[in-house]
Amino acid sequence: MQNDWYLVQFKPNSHKIAERNLHRLGFETFLPMQTSTQRKTTKFINVMKPLFPGYMFVLCDTTQQPWRTINSTIGVSRIVSFGNKPVQASLDLVQGLQARCDEAGELKPLDAFELGEQVTITAGPFANFIATVEKMDADQRVWVLLDLMGQKSRVRVSSDQLIA
């Protein structure tokens, strides 16, 4: 039995439906998620979004399982393929992502950042801002420099709110 990971494109906002229906058909799925901050009127809310919008990984043995049934699964747009054959995802890539995710599939932050490294803030009022790491505390807080209106501002952020 040779199980390989394949990339599946799901329909817009249908990752939960596609995942549920693929599980019903006996396929194992992997959908890495990340927390993102969105502004709703005057509040900021954290929402879970797929790391790769529109795509998830599916474990399949193409010699035993009818992989073409993936294309007709509710919520799935298509399995990524070239010609008439699905293309395998890199095993190293999938295993590396799985190692960085918790049980719920949420991407965990890297343990440490380099001083002077450019990072993106993923949550809070400065979501999607690019900052420079200035200092790291022992309590998983990171001091970053933000360029706000032409001036450098020093902000303390939790390390789980940063991605490299």
Protein backbone atom coordinates (compact mmCIF):
# COMPACT_ATOMS: atom_id res chain seq x y z
CA MET A 1 0.00 0.00 0.00
CA GLN A 2 1.52 3.28 -1.13
CA ASN A 3 -0.14 6.34 0.36
CA ASP A 4 0.91 9.71 -1.00
CA TRP A 5 -0.22 13.26 -0.31
CA TYR A 6 -2.00 15.15 -3.08
CA LEU A 7 -3.17 18.74 -3.31
CA VAL A 8 -6.91 19.34 -3.61
CA GLN A 9 -8.53 22.64 -4.53
CA PHE A 10 -11.77 23.25 -2.67
CA LYS A 11 -14.60 25.58 -3.62
CA PRO A 12 -14.64 29.08 -2.07
CA ASN A 13 -15.36 28.99 1.69
CA SER A 14 -16.02 25.23 1.49
CA HIS A 15 -13.02 23.79 3.33
CA LYS A 16 -15.14 22.37 6.17
CA ILE A 17 -17.65 20.80 3.75
CA ALA A 18 -14.89 19.34 1.57
CA GLU A 19 -12.99 17.99 4.58
CA ARG A 20 -16.10 16.37 6.07
CA ASN A 21 -17.09 14.71 2.77
CA LEU A 22 -13.56 13.47 2.03
CA HIS A 23 -13.47 11.87 5.49
CA ARG A 24 -16.80 10.17 4.76
CA LEU A 25 -15.24 8.66 1.64
CA GLY A 26 -12.30 7.33 3.69
CA PHE A 27 -9.65 9.86 2.72
CA GLU A 28 -7.36 11.44 5.31
CA THR A 29 -6.98 15.21 4.96
CA PHE A 30 -4.55 17.81 6.26
CA LEU A 31 -5.53 21.47 6.29
CA PRO A 32 -3.00 23.73 8.03
CA MET A 33 -4.73 26.75 9.59
CA GLN A 34 -3.50 30.08 10.93
CA THR A 35 -5.06 32.75 13.10
CA SER A 36 -5.77 35.98 11.30
CA THR A 37 -7.17 39.25 12.64
CA GLN A 38 -10.05 40.92 10.85
CA ARG A 39 -11.67 44.23 11.57
CA LYS A 40 -15.44 44.12 12.16
CA THR A 41 -16.78 47.66 12.46
CA THR A 42 -14.90 48.97 15.50
CA LYS A 43 -13.61 45.64 16.85
CA PHE A 44 -10.80 43.32 15.88
CA ILE A 45 -11.64 39.60 15.87
CA ASN A 46 -9.40 36.57 15.42
CA VAL A 47 -10.51 33.99 12.86
CA MET A 48 -8.97 30.73 11.71
CA LYS A 49 -8.13 30.67 8.00
CA PRO A 50 -6.41 28.06 5.81
CA LEU A 51 -2.68 28.66 5.46
CA PHE A 52 -3.02 28.03 1.71
CA PRO A 53 -6.37 29.62 0.79
CA GLY A 54 -8.36 27.29 -1.45
CA TYR A 55 -6.15 24.21 -1.00
CA MET A 56 -5.77 21.21 1.32
CA PHE A 57 -3.76 17.99 1.29
CA VAL A 58 -5.38 14.56 0.86
CA LEU A 59 -3.71 11.21 1.62
CA CYS A 60 -4.57 8.70 -1.07
CA ASP A 61 -3.34 5.40 -2.50
CA THR A 62 -3.96 5.94 -6.21
CA THR A 63 -3.41 2.26 -6.98
CA GLN A 64 -6.20 1.12 -4.61
CA GLN A 65 -8.58 4.03 -4.10
CA PRO A 66 -10.54 5.58 -6.97
CA TRP A 67 -8.91 9.02 -6.79
CA ARG A 68 -11.29 10.40 -9.43
CA THR A 69 -14.06 10.35 -6.82
CA ILE A 70 -12.24 13.25 -5.12
CA ASN A 71 -13.18 15.51 -8.06
CA SER A 72 -16.88 14.79 -7.61
CA THR A 73 -16.88 15.22 -3.82
CA ILE A 74 -19.16 17.99 -2.56
CA GLY A 75 -17.06 21.03 -1.62
CA VAL A 76 -14.10 19.97 -3.77
CA SER A 77 -13.32 21.77 -7.00
CA ARG A 78 -10.62 19.37 -8.27
CA ILE A 79 -7.51 17.41 -7.43
CA VAL A 80 -4.44 19.20 -8.78
CA SER A 81 -3.15 17.21 -11.73
CA PHE A 82 -1.09 17.50 -14.87
CA GLY A 83 -2.41 15.69 -17.88
CA ASN A 84 -4.56 12.86 -16.65
CA LYS A 85 -2.68 12.05 -13.46
CA PRO A 86 -2.74 13.72 -10.02
CA VAL A 87 0.56 15.24 -8.89
CA GLN A 88 2.03 14.17 -5.56
CA ALA A 89 2.80 16.85 -2.99
CA SER A 90 6.30 16.82 -1.52
CA LEU A 91 6.37 14.47 1.47
CA ASP A 92 8.98 16.70 3.17
CA LEU A 93 6.70 19.73 2.80
CA VAL A 94 3.66 17.97 4.28
CA GLN A 95 5.60 16.39 7.15
CA GLY A 96 7.29 19.72 7.92
CA LEU A 97 3.92 21.47 8.07
CA GLN A 98 2.43 18.69 10.20
CA ALA A 99 5.34 19.01 12.64
CA ARG A 100 4.61 22.74 13.04
CA CYS A 101 0.84 22.24 13.58
CA ASP A 102 -1.03 21.29 16.73
CA GLU A 103 -3.79 18.64 16.94
CA ALA A 104 -6.38 21.06 15.54
CA GLY A 105 -4.18 21.83 12.53
CA GLU A 106 -3.24 25.35 13.70
CA LEU A 107 0.22 26.44 12.66
CA LYS A 108 2.40 27.00 15.75
CA PRO A 109 4.91 29.85 15.70
CA LEU A 110 8.59 29.19 15.32
CA ASP A 111 10.44 29.02 18.62
CA ALA A 112 12.72 31.95 18.03
CA PHE A 113 13.24 34.88 15.73
CA GLU A 114 16.54 36.42 14.73
CA LEU A 115 17.35 39.96 15.83
CA GLY A 116 16.86 42.30 12.88
CA GLU A 117 14.59 39.79 11.09
CA GLN A 118 11.59 41.09 9.12
CA VAL A 119 8.35 39.62 10.49
CA THR A 120 4.64 40.05 9.81
CA ILE A 121 2.24 40.68 12.68
CA THR A 122 -0.76 38.35 12.30
CA ALA A 123 -3.11 39.52 15.05
CA GLY A 124 -4.21 42.61 16.90
CA PRO A 125 -4.51 46.22 15.73
CA PHE A 126 -1.22 45.96 13.81
CA ALA A 127 -2.26 42.85 11.83
CA ASN A 128 -0.52 42.55 8.44
CA PHE A 129 2.09 45.17 9.39
CA ILE A 130 5.71 44.30 8.66
CA ALA A 131 8.09 44.93 11.54
CA THR A 132 11.73 44.35 12.50
CA VAL A 133 12.61 42.20 15.53
CA GLU A 134 14.52 44.27 18.06
CA LYS A 135 14.56 42.19 21.25
CA MET A 136 13.09 38.96 22.67
CA ASP A 137 11.94 38.43 26.27
CA ALA A 138 11.91 35.15 28.18
CA ASP A 139 8.10 35.24 28.47
CA GLN A 140 7.57 34.72 24.70
CA ARG A 141 7.20 38.45 24.07
CA VAL A 142 9.04 40.07 21.21
CA TRP A 143 9.85 43.76 20.88
CA VAL A 144 9.49 44.89 17.27
CA LEU A 145 10.02 48.18 15.47
CA LEU A 146 7.13 49.41 13.33
CA ASP A 147 7.38 52.20 10.80
CA LEU A 148 4.27 54.28 11.53
CA MET A 149 3.85 57.52 9.59
CA GLY A 150 7.57 57.82 8.99
CA GLN A 151 8.58 57.23 12.62
CA LYS A 152 9.89 54.07 14.24
CA SER A 153 7.66 52.84 17.06
CA ARG A 154 8.63 50.11 19.50
CA VAL A 155 5.82 47.59 20.16
CA ARG A 156 5.73 44.49 22.37
CA VAL A 157 4.01 41.53 20.69
CA SER A 158 3.46 37.90 21.65
CA SER A 159 5.63 35.56 19.56
CA ASP A 160 2.56 33.57 18.48
CA GLN A 161 1.32 36.69 16.68
CA LEU A 162 4.36 36.82 14.39
CA ILE A 163 5.39 34.94 11.28
CA ALA A 164 8.70 35.19 9.51
